[in-house]
Amino acid sequence: MTERPPEAALKFEHSISAKLRAEVFDRNGFTCQMCGLSPGDIDPTTGRKVRLHVGHIKDKNLGGKDELSNLRALDVARNSVES
């Protein structure tokens, strides 16, 4: 049996504020900017309900910033492909 990692390793850093996240979703009409699906739609590639995340257009490790002009709504499947 494997040991559980320390609790600190399980925490995620949310550098994007809740207010900015809400602005991104509102601006993008609560729709994935890559595939056009909305939360609750069934993703034809996964067969699961769509969940939206906020993703960077230009990744932070390439100099992208946490600002509205560099953020977009993406469903989980598209965001993980982009990362």
Protein backbone atom coordinates (compact mmCIF):
# COMPACT_ATOMS: atom_id res chain seq x y z
CA MET A 1 0.00 0.00 0.00
CA THR A 2 1.33 3.46 -0.90
CA GLU A 3 1.56 6.32 1.56
CA ARG A 4 -0.55 9.42 1.08
CA PRO A 5 1.35 12.55 0.09
CA PRO A 6 1.58 15.36 2.65
CA GLU A 7 -1.53 17.55 2.78
CA ALA A 8 0.42 20.54 1.45
CA ALA A 9 1.08 18.64 -1.78
CA LEU A 10 -2.67 18.29 -2.39
CA LYS A 11 -3.40 22.03 -2.33
CA PHE A 12 -3.81 23.96 -5.57
CA GLU A 13 -2.75 27.55 -5.99
CA HIS A 14 -5.53 29.75 -7.34
CA SER A 15 -3.73 32.81 -8.65
CA ILE A 16 -6.85 33.93 -10.53
CA SER A 17 -9.30 35.67 -8.20
CA ALA A 18 -12.93 34.58 -8.03
CA LYS A 19 -13.93 38.00 -9.38
CA LEU A 20 -11.66 37.69 -12.43
CA ARG A 21 -12.78 34.09 -13.00
CA ALA A 22 -16.42 35.27 -12.99
CA GLU A 23 -15.57 38.06 -15.48
CA VAL A 24 -14.00 35.50 -17.85
CA PHE A 25 -17.04 33.19 -17.71
CA ASP A 26 -19.43 36.11 -18.17
CA ARG A 27 -17.47 37.57 -21.11
CA ASN A 28 -17.28 34.13 -22.77
CA GLY A 29 -20.99 33.45 -22.25
CA PHE A 30 -20.28 30.43 -20.01
CA THR A 31 -19.13 28.57 -23.15
CA CYS A 32 -15.89 26.75 -23.97
CA GLN A 33 -13.95 28.96 -26.37
CA MET A 34 -12.50 25.96 -28.22
CA CYS A 35 -15.49 23.67 -28.73
CA GLY A 36 -18.58 25.81 -27.98
CA LEU A 37 -19.99 23.49 -25.31
CA SER A 38 -21.55 24.81 -22.09
CA PRO A 39 -21.65 23.39 -18.55
CA GLY A 40 -23.96 20.39 -18.39
CA ASP A 41 -23.71 19.62 -22.13
CA ILE A 42 -22.48 16.12 -22.92
CA ASP A 43 -19.02 16.18 -24.46
CA PRO A 44 -19.17 13.86 -27.50
CA THR A 45 -15.49 12.92 -27.14
CA THR A 46 -15.69 11.87 -23.47
CA GLY A 47 -19.40 11.16 -22.92
CA ARG A 48 -19.24 13.24 -19.72
CA LYS A 49 -20.90 16.48 -18.70
CA VAL A 50 -18.86 19.56 -19.52
CA ARG A 51 -17.20 21.49 -16.66
CA LEU A 52 -15.57 24.82 -17.43
CA HIS A 53 -12.20 26.04 -16.19
CA VAL A 54 -10.39 29.28 -16.82
CA GLY A 55 -7.29 28.77 -18.95
CA HIS A 56 -4.48 31.01 -20.08
CA ILE A 57 -4.17 31.91 -23.76
CA LYS A 58 -0.42 32.46 -23.34
CA ASP A 59 0.77 30.09 -20.61
CA LYS A 60 2.25 31.62 -17.46
CA ASN A 61 5.53 29.78 -17.91
CA LEU A 62 5.86 31.54 -21.29
CA GLY A 63 5.26 34.98 -19.78
CA GLY A 64 1.45 35.06 -19.84
CA LYS A 65 -0.31 37.02 -17.12
CA ASP A 66 -3.41 36.53 -14.98
CA GLU A 67 -5.38 39.28 -16.72
CA LEU A 68 -8.71 39.25 -18.52
CA SER A 69 -7.14 39.66 -21.97
CA ASN A 70 -5.06 36.49 -21.46
CA LEU A 71 -7.79 34.25 -20.05
CA ARG A 72 -10.58 32.20 -21.63
CA ALA A 73 -13.22 29.68 -20.60
CA LEU A 74 -12.29 26.12 -21.56
CA ASP A 75 -13.91 22.81 -20.73
CA VAL A 76 -11.81 20.40 -18.69
CA ALA A 77 -10.97 18.18 -21.68
CA ARG A 78 -9.73 21.10 -23.82
CA ASN A 79 -7.87 22.76 -20.92
CA SER A 80 -5.90 19.58 -20.18
CA VAL A 81 -4.93 19.28 -23.86
CA GLU A 82 -3.78 22.89 -23.92
CA SER A 83 -1.66 22.58 -20.74
